[in-house]
Amino acid sequence: MSCVQCKGSNSKYKCPTCRAPYCSMVCCKLHKEAPCSPPPPPEPPQVEPKEQPFEYDFPTEDTVSIEKLKLLEESKELNKCLENPHVREILKILDSAPHPDVLINEYMREPIFTEFADACLNVVQNKSEET
């Protein structure tokens, strides 16, 4: 590194404040005549937040465990039901409804929705009976 004052290449020392290199006491005194400031601290490395395990706020005896809900993703029968655009539309409506429980009662009269509900229950109930 070259000296900040004389630009010489033999800088053995560093300013204790700004960490600028200098080569001698003469250059150090010259450097200290002008105020300097410490270098900005390095930015901390970006750490991805660890995924916190999900827990239910108010579990009941009917609450389905997270592990069993994850099994729904793997169900071929359930994925086949979700290929139907009508089922996906019903689910969007239910998701945004202020009172989905009332709508579910209505949709349970539609065979395509009952097929979807049965597929969900088959995955959750079959796995729960094994444990």
N, C-alpha and C. Protein backbone atom coordinates (compact mmCIF):
# COMPACT_ATOMS: atom_id res chain seq x y z
N MET A 1 0.85 -1.18 0.00
CA MET A 1 0.00 0.00 0.00
C MET A 1 0.89 1.24 0.00
N SER A 2 0.40 2.27 -0.65
CA SER A 2 1.19 3.49 -0.70
C SER A 2 0.74 4.47 0.38
N CYS A 3 1.67 5.29 0.84
CA CYS A 3 1.44 6.26 1.90
C CYS A 3 0.43 7.30 1.44
N VAL A 4 -0.49 7.69 2.32
CA VAL A 4 -1.52 8.67 1.96
C VAL A 4 -0.94 10.07 1.82
N GLN A 5 0.26 10.33 2.38
CA GLN A 5 0.84 11.66 2.30
C GLN A 5 1.85 11.78 1.17
N CYS A 6 2.88 10.96 1.20
CA CYS A 6 3.96 11.11 0.21
C CYS A 6 3.83 10.16 -0.97
N LYS A 7 2.86 9.29 -0.94
CA LYS A 7 2.60 8.30 -1.99
C LYS A 7 3.73 7.29 -2.15
N GLY A 8 4.61 7.23 -1.13
CA GLY A 8 5.68 6.23 -1.15
C GLY A 8 5.09 4.85 -0.97
N SER A 9 5.84 3.87 -1.44
CA SER A 9 5.31 2.50 -1.43
C SER A 9 5.67 1.73 -0.16
N ASN A 10 6.43 2.35 0.75
CA ASN A 10 6.87 1.64 1.93
C ASN A 10 6.06 2.09 3.15
N SER A 11 4.76 1.86 3.17
CA SER A 11 3.94 2.26 4.31
C SER A 11 3.78 1.09 5.26
N LYS A 12 4.43 1.25 6.42
CA LYS A 12 4.41 0.19 7.41
C LYS A 12 3.36 0.41 8.48
N TYR A 13 2.81 1.61 8.55
CA TYR A 13 1.92 1.97 9.65
C TYR A 13 0.54 2.35 9.12
N LYS A 14 -0.41 2.39 10.05
CA LYS A 14 -1.78 2.80 9.70
C LYS A 14 -2.28 3.77 10.75
N CYS A 15 -3.04 4.76 10.31
CA CYS A 15 -3.67 5.70 11.23
C CYS A 15 -4.63 4.93 12.11
N PRO A 16 -4.55 5.15 13.44
CA PRO A 16 -5.44 4.41 14.34
C PRO A 16 -6.92 4.79 14.17
N THR A 17 -7.18 5.97 13.59
CA THR A 17 -8.56 6.40 13.42
C THR A 17 -9.15 5.91 12.11
N CYS A 18 -8.52 6.30 10.99
CA CYS A 18 -9.13 6.00 9.69
C CYS A 18 -8.49 4.81 8.98
N ARG A 19 -7.43 4.26 9.57
CA ARG A 19 -6.75 3.08 9.01
C ARG A 19 -6.03 3.37 7.69
N ALA A 20 -5.77 4.67 7.39
CA ALA A 20 -5.03 5.04 6.18
C ALA A 20 -3.55 4.71 6.38
N PRO A 21 -2.89 4.18 5.36
CA PRO A 21 -1.47 3.81 5.50
C PRO A 21 -0.55 5.04 5.42
N TYR A 22 0.53 5.03 6.21
CA TYR A 22 1.56 6.06 6.13
C TYR A 22 2.91 5.39 6.39
N CYS A 23 3.99 6.10 6.00
CA CYS A 23 5.30 5.47 6.04
C CYS A 23 6.23 5.97 7.15
N SER A 24 5.95 7.14 7.71
CA SER A 24 6.88 7.68 8.71
C SER A 24 6.14 8.59 9.67
N MET A 25 6.88 9.06 10.73
CA MET A 25 6.30 9.99 11.69
C MET A 25 5.97 11.32 11.03
N VAL A 26 6.78 11.73 10.09
CA VAL A 26 6.54 12.99 9.38
C VAL A 26 5.20 12.90 8.64
N CYS A 27 4.97 11.83 7.90
CA CYS A 27 3.70 11.65 7.16
C CYS A 27 2.53 11.49 8.13
N CYS A 28 2.77 10.86 9.27
CA CYS A 28 1.71 10.70 10.27
C CYS A 28 1.28 12.06 10.79
N LYS A 29 2.25 12.93 11.13
CA LYS A 29 1.92 14.26 11.64
C LYS A 29 1.19 15.07 10.58
N LEU A 30 1.62 14.97 9.32
CA LEU A 30 0.93 15.68 8.23
C LEU A 30 -0.51 15.18 8.09
N HIS A 31 -0.67 13.88 8.19
CA HIS A 31 -2.01 13.29 8.06
C HIS A 31 -2.92 13.75 9.20
N LYS A 32 -2.38 13.86 10.41
CA LYS A 32 -3.20 14.24 11.58
C LYS A 32 -3.60 15.70 11.57
N GLU A 33 -2.97 16.52 10.69
CA GLU A 33 -3.35 17.93 10.60
C GLU A 33 -4.78 18.08 10.08
N ALA A 34 -5.19 17.18 9.21
CA ALA A 34 -6.56 17.20 8.69
C ALA A 34 -7.37 16.17 9.48
N PRO A 35 -8.56 16.54 9.91
CA PRO A 35 -9.35 15.55 10.67
C PRO A 35 -9.74 14.35 9.80
N CYS A 36 -9.73 13.20 10.41
CA CYS A 36 -10.15 11.99 9.69
C CYS A 36 -11.21 11.28 10.53
N SER A 37 -11.87 10.36 9.91
CA SER A 37 -12.92 9.62 10.61
C SER A 37 -12.75 8.13 10.36
N PRO A 38 -13.27 7.33 11.28
CA PRO A 38 -13.12 5.89 11.09
C PRO A 38 -13.86 5.42 9.84
N PRO A 39 -13.37 4.35 9.24
CA PRO A 39 -14.06 3.81 8.05
C PRO A 39 -15.42 3.27 8.47
N PRO A 40 -16.37 3.26 7.53
CA PRO A 40 -17.69 2.71 7.89
C PRO A 40 -17.56 1.23 8.22
N PRO A 41 -18.32 0.77 9.19
CA PRO A 41 -18.24 -0.65 9.54
C PRO A 41 -18.74 -1.50 8.38
N PRO A 42 -18.15 -2.67 8.23
CA PRO A 42 -18.62 -3.54 7.14
C PRO A 42 -20.06 -3.95 7.40
N GLU A 43 -20.80 -4.10 6.32
CA GLU A 43 -22.20 -4.52 6.46
C GLU A 43 -22.23 -5.97 6.93
N PRO A 44 -23.10 -6.25 7.89
CA PRO A 44 -23.18 -7.64 8.34
C PRO A 44 -23.70 -8.52 7.20
N PRO A 45 -23.24 -9.76 7.16
CA PRO A 45 -23.71 -10.65 6.10
C PRO A 45 -25.22 -10.87 6.21
N GLN A 46 -25.85 -10.96 5.07
CA GLN A 46 -27.29 -11.20 5.05
C GLN A 46 -27.54 -12.66 5.42
N VAL A 47 -28.25 -12.83 6.50
CA VAL A 47 -28.57 -14.18 6.98
C VAL A 47 -30.04 -14.43 6.69
N GLU A 48 -30.29 -15.53 6.02
CA GLU A 48 -31.66 -15.91 5.74
C GLU A 48 -32.33 -16.30 7.06
N PRO A 49 -33.51 -15.73 7.32
CA PRO A 49 -34.19 -16.12 8.56
C PRO A 49 -34.56 -17.60 8.52
N LYS A 50 -34.32 -18.25 9.63
CA LYS A 50 -34.68 -19.67 9.70
C LYS A 50 -36.19 -19.78 9.76
N GLU A 51 -36.69 -20.76 9.04
CA GLU A 51 -38.13 -20.97 9.05
C GLU A 51 -38.55 -21.49 10.42
N GLN A 52 -39.38 -20.72 11.05
CA GLN A 52 -39.85 -21.10 12.38
C GLN A 52 -40.91 -22.19 12.23
N PRO A 53 -40.85 -23.19 13.10
CA PRO A 53 -41.89 -24.22 13.02
C PRO A 53 -43.25 -23.62 13.35
N PHE A 54 -44.21 -23.96 12.54
CA PHE A 54 -45.56 -23.42 12.72
C PHE A 54 -46.22 -24.14 13.88
N GLU A 55 -46.89 -23.38 14.69
CA GLU A 55 -47.69 -23.96 15.78
C GLU A 55 -49.06 -23.31 15.76
N TYR A 56 -50.06 -24.09 16.05
CA TYR A 56 -51.41 -23.57 16.13
C TYR A 56 -51.56 -22.74 17.40
N ASP A 57 -52.31 -21.65 17.30
CA ASP A 57 -52.56 -20.82 18.48
C ASP A 57 -53.54 -21.50 19.44
N PHE A 58 -54.57 -22.12 18.87
CA PHE A 58 -55.61 -22.74 19.69
C PHE A 58 -55.94 -24.13 19.16
N PRO A 59 -55.06 -25.10 19.35
CA PRO A 59 -55.35 -26.44 18.83
C PRO A 59 -56.49 -27.10 19.60
N THR A 60 -57.22 -27.96 18.87
CA THR A 60 -58.30 -28.73 19.49
C THR A 60 -58.04 -30.20 19.20
N GLU A 61 -58.92 -31.05 19.66
CA GLU A 61 -58.75 -32.48 19.38
C GLU A 61 -58.94 -32.80 17.90
N ASP A 62 -59.60 -31.89 17.16
CA ASP A 62 -59.81 -32.10 15.73
C ASP A 62 -58.73 -31.45 14.87
N THR A 63 -57.77 -30.77 15.48
CA THR A 63 -56.72 -30.10 14.72
C THR A 63 -55.83 -31.12 14.03
N VAL A 64 -55.58 -30.90 12.76
CA VAL A 64 -54.73 -31.80 11.97
C VAL A 64 -53.29 -31.32 12.11
N SER A 65 -52.38 -32.25 12.37
CA SER A 65 -50.98 -31.89 12.56
C SER A 65 -50.37 -31.35 11.26
N ILE A 66 -49.35 -30.54 11.41
CA ILE A 66 -48.66 -29.96 10.25
C ILE A 66 -48.08 -31.06 9.37
N GLU A 67 -47.55 -32.10 9.99
CA GLU A 67 -46.97 -33.20 9.21
C GLU A 67 -48.01 -33.85 8.31
N LYS A 68 -49.21 -34.02 8.84
CA LYS A 68 -50.28 -34.63 8.04
C LYS A 68 -50.76 -33.68 6.95
N LEU A 69 -50.78 -32.39 7.25
CA LEU A 69 -51.16 -31.42 6.21
C LEU A 69 -50.16 -31.42 5.07
N LYS A 70 -48.88 -31.61 5.40
CA LYS A 70 -47.85 -31.65 4.35
C LYS A 70 -48.04 -32.86 3.43
N LEU A 71 -48.63 -33.92 3.96
CA LEU A 71 -48.89 -35.10 3.14
C LEU A 71 -49.90 -34.82 2.02
N LEU A 72 -50.72 -33.79 2.23
CA LEU A 72 -51.70 -33.43 1.19
C LEU A 72 -51.00 -33.05 -0.11
N GLU A 73 -49.82 -32.43 0.01
CA GLU A 73 -49.07 -32.03 -1.19
C GLU A 73 -48.70 -33.23 -2.05
N GLU A 74 -48.48 -34.36 -1.42
CA GLU A 74 -48.01 -35.54 -2.14
C GLU A 74 -49.14 -36.41 -2.70
N SER A 75 -50.36 -36.12 -2.35
CA SER A 75 -51.49 -36.95 -2.75
C SER A 75 -51.79 -36.79 -4.25
N LYS A 76 -51.69 -37.89 -4.97
CA LYS A 76 -52.01 -37.87 -6.40
C LYS A 76 -53.50 -37.64 -6.62
N GLU A 77 -54.31 -38.24 -5.77
CA GLU A 77 -55.77 -38.09 -5.89
C GLU A 77 -56.18 -36.64 -5.68
N LEU A 78 -55.58 -36.02 -4.70
CA LEU A 78 -55.89 -34.62 -4.41
C LEU A 78 -55.41 -33.71 -5.53
N ASN A 79 -54.22 -33.96 -6.03
CA ASN A 79 -53.71 -33.15 -7.14
C ASN A 79 -54.57 -33.30 -8.39
N LYS A 80 -55.11 -34.49 -8.60
CA LYS A 80 -56.01 -34.71 -9.74
C LYS A 80 -57.27 -33.85 -9.58
N CYS A 81 -57.80 -33.79 -8.35
CA CYS A 81 -58.98 -32.95 -8.10
C CYS A 81 -58.67 -31.48 -8.36
N LEU A 82 -57.47 -31.06 -7.99
CA LEU A 82 -57.09 -29.65 -8.14
C LEU A 82 -56.83 -29.25 -9.59
N GLU A 83 -56.75 -30.22 -10.47
CA GLU A 83 -56.62 -29.90 -11.90
C GLU A 83 -57.91 -29.31 -12.45
N ASN A 84 -59.01 -29.57 -11.78
CA ASN A 84 -60.31 -29.07 -12.22
C ASN A 84 -60.42 -27.57 -11.89
N PRO A 85 -60.63 -26.72 -12.91
CA PRO A 85 -60.71 -25.27 -12.66
C PRO A 85 -61.90 -24.89 -11.77
N HIS A 86 -62.97 -25.68 -11.82
CA HIS A 86 -64.15 -25.39 -10.99
C HIS A 86 -63.81 -25.56 -9.51
N VAL A 87 -63.04 -26.59 -9.18
CA VAL A 87 -62.62 -26.82 -7.79
C VAL A 87 -61.72 -25.67 -7.33
N ARG A 88 -60.79 -25.27 -8.19
CA ARG A 88 -59.89 -24.17 -7.82
C ARG A 88 -60.68 -22.87 -7.60
N GLU A 89 -61.70 -22.64 -8.41
CA GLU A 89 -62.52 -21.43 -8.26
C GLU A 89 -63.29 -21.47 -6.93
N ILE A 90 -63.84 -22.64 -6.61
CA ILE A 90 -64.55 -22.79 -5.33
C ILE A 90 -63.61 -22.49 -4.16
N LEU A 91 -62.38 -23.00 -4.24
CA LEU A 91 -61.42 -22.79 -3.17
C LEU A 91 -61.04 -21.31 -3.04
N LYS A 92 -60.93 -20.61 -4.15
CA LYS A 92 -60.65 -19.17 -4.11
C LYS A 92 -61.80 -18.42 -3.43
N ILE A 93 -63.02 -18.80 -3.78
CA ILE A 93 -64.20 -18.17 -3.18
C ILE A 93 -64.22 -18.43 -1.68
N LEU A 94 -63.98 -19.67 -1.29
CA LEU A 94 -63.98 -20.01 0.14
C LEU A 94 -62.88 -19.26 0.89
N ASP A 95 -61.74 -19.12 0.26
CA ASP A 95 -60.61 -18.46 0.91
C ASP A 95 -60.90 -16.99 1.19
N SER A 96 -61.65 -16.36 0.31
CA SER A 96 -61.91 -14.93 0.48
C SER A 96 -63.27 -14.64 1.13
N ALA A 97 -64.04 -15.68 1.44
CA ALA A 97 -65.38 -15.48 2.00
C ALA A 97 -65.31 -15.09 3.47
N PRO A 98 -66.18 -14.17 3.89
CA PRO A 98 -66.20 -13.80 5.31
C PRO A 98 -66.74 -14.94 6.20
N HIS A 99 -67.61 -15.79 5.66
CA HIS A 99 -68.17 -16.91 6.42
C HIS A 99 -68.06 -18.19 5.57
N PRO A 100 -66.85 -18.75 5.44
CA PRO A 100 -66.67 -19.93 4.59
C PRO A 100 -67.44 -21.15 5.07
N ASP A 101 -67.74 -21.22 6.36
CA ASP A 101 -68.46 -22.39 6.87
C ASP A 101 -69.85 -22.51 6.25
N VAL A 102 -70.51 -21.38 5.99
CA VAL A 102 -71.83 -21.40 5.35
C VAL A 102 -71.70 -21.87 3.90
N LEU A 103 -70.69 -21.36 3.23
CA LEU A 103 -70.48 -21.74 1.82
C LEU A 103 -70.09 -23.20 1.67
N ILE A 104 -69.30 -23.71 2.60
CA ILE A 104 -68.88 -25.12 2.50
C ILE A 104 -70.11 -26.02 2.52
N ASN A 105 -71.08 -25.69 3.35
CA ASN A 105 -72.32 -26.49 3.39
C ASN A 105 -72.99 -26.51 2.03
N GLU A 106 -72.98 -25.38 1.34
CA GLU A 106 -73.58 -25.32 0.00
C GLU A 106 -72.75 -26.11 -1.00
N TYR A 107 -71.43 -25.94 -0.95
CA TYR A 107 -70.57 -26.61 -1.93
C TYR A 107 -70.50 -28.12 -1.71
N MET A 108 -70.79 -28.58 -0.49
CA MET A 108 -70.77 -30.02 -0.24
C MET A 108 -71.89 -30.74 -1.01
N ARG A 109 -72.80 -29.99 -1.60
CA ARG A 109 -73.85 -30.59 -2.44
C ARG A 109 -73.36 -30.82 -3.87
N GLU A 110 -72.20 -30.24 -4.19
CA GLU A 110 -71.66 -30.41 -5.54
C GLU A 110 -70.70 -31.60 -5.54
N PRO A 111 -70.94 -32.56 -6.42
CA PRO A 111 -70.12 -33.79 -6.43
C PRO A 111 -68.62 -33.51 -6.60
N ILE A 112 -68.27 -32.53 -7.42
CA ILE A 112 -66.85 -32.28 -7.65
C ILE A 112 -66.16 -31.79 -6.38
N PHE A 113 -66.88 -31.01 -5.57
CA PHE A 113 -66.30 -30.51 -4.32
C PHE A 113 -66.25 -31.61 -3.27
N THR A 114 -67.28 -32.46 -3.22
CA THR A 114 -67.26 -33.56 -2.25
C THR A 114 -66.13 -34.54 -2.59
N GLU A 115 -65.84 -34.70 -3.88
CA GLU A 115 -64.72 -35.56 -4.28
C GLU A 115 -63.41 -34.97 -3.74
N PHE A 116 -63.26 -33.65 -3.85
CA PHE A 116 -62.08 -32.97 -3.34
C PHE A 116 -61.98 -33.14 -1.81
N ALA A 117 -63.10 -32.92 -1.11
CA ALA A 117 -63.11 -33.04 0.35
C ALA A 117 -62.78 -34.47 0.78
N ASP A 118 -63.33 -35.46 0.06
CA ASP A 118 -63.04 -36.85 0.38
C ASP A 118 -61.56 -37.18 0.17
N ALA A 119 -60.97 -36.62 -0.88
CA ALA A 119 -59.56 -36.85 -1.15
C ALA A 119 -58.71 -36.29 -0.01
N CYS A 120 -59.08 -35.12 0.49
CA CYS A 120 -58.36 -34.53 1.63
C CYS A 120 -58.49 -35.41 2.87
N LEU A 121 -59.72 -35.83 3.15
CA LEU A 121 -59.95 -36.65 4.34
C LEU A 121 -59.25 -38.00 4.25
N ASN A 122 -59.21 -38.59 3.05
CA ASN A 122 -58.53 -39.88 2.88
C ASN A 122 -57.07 -39.77 3.26
N VAL A 123 -56.41 -38.71 2.86
CA VAL A 123 -55.00 -38.54 3.18
C VAL A 123 -54.82 -38.35 4.68
N VAL A 124 -55.58 -37.47 5.27
CA VAL A 124 -55.41 -37.16 6.69
C VAL A 124 -55.85 -38.31 7.58
N GLN A 125 -57.01 -38.90 7.29
CA GLN A 125 -57.51 -39.97 8.15
C GLN A 125 -56.70 -41.25 8.02
N ASN A 126 -56.33 -41.63 6.81
CA ASN A 126 -55.57 -42.88 6.63
C ASN A 126 -54.23 -42.79 7.36
N LYS A 127 -53.58 -41.65 7.29
CA LYS A 127 -52.29 -41.50 7.95
C LYS A 127 -52.45 -41.43 9.47
N SER A 128 -53.57 -40.88 9.93
CA SER A 128 -53.76 -40.77 11.38
C SER A 128 -54.07 -42.13 12.00
N GLU A 129 -54.68 -43.03 11.25
CA GLU A 129 -55.00 -44.35 11.78
C GLU A 129 -53.75 -45.20 11.96
N GLU A 130 -52.69 -44.89 11.16
CA GLU A 130 -51.46 -45.66 11.25
C GLU A 130 -50.67 -45.29 12.50
N THR A 131 -50.86 -44.05 13.00
CA THR A 131 -50.06 -43.61 14.15
C THR A 131 -50.72 -43.92 15.46
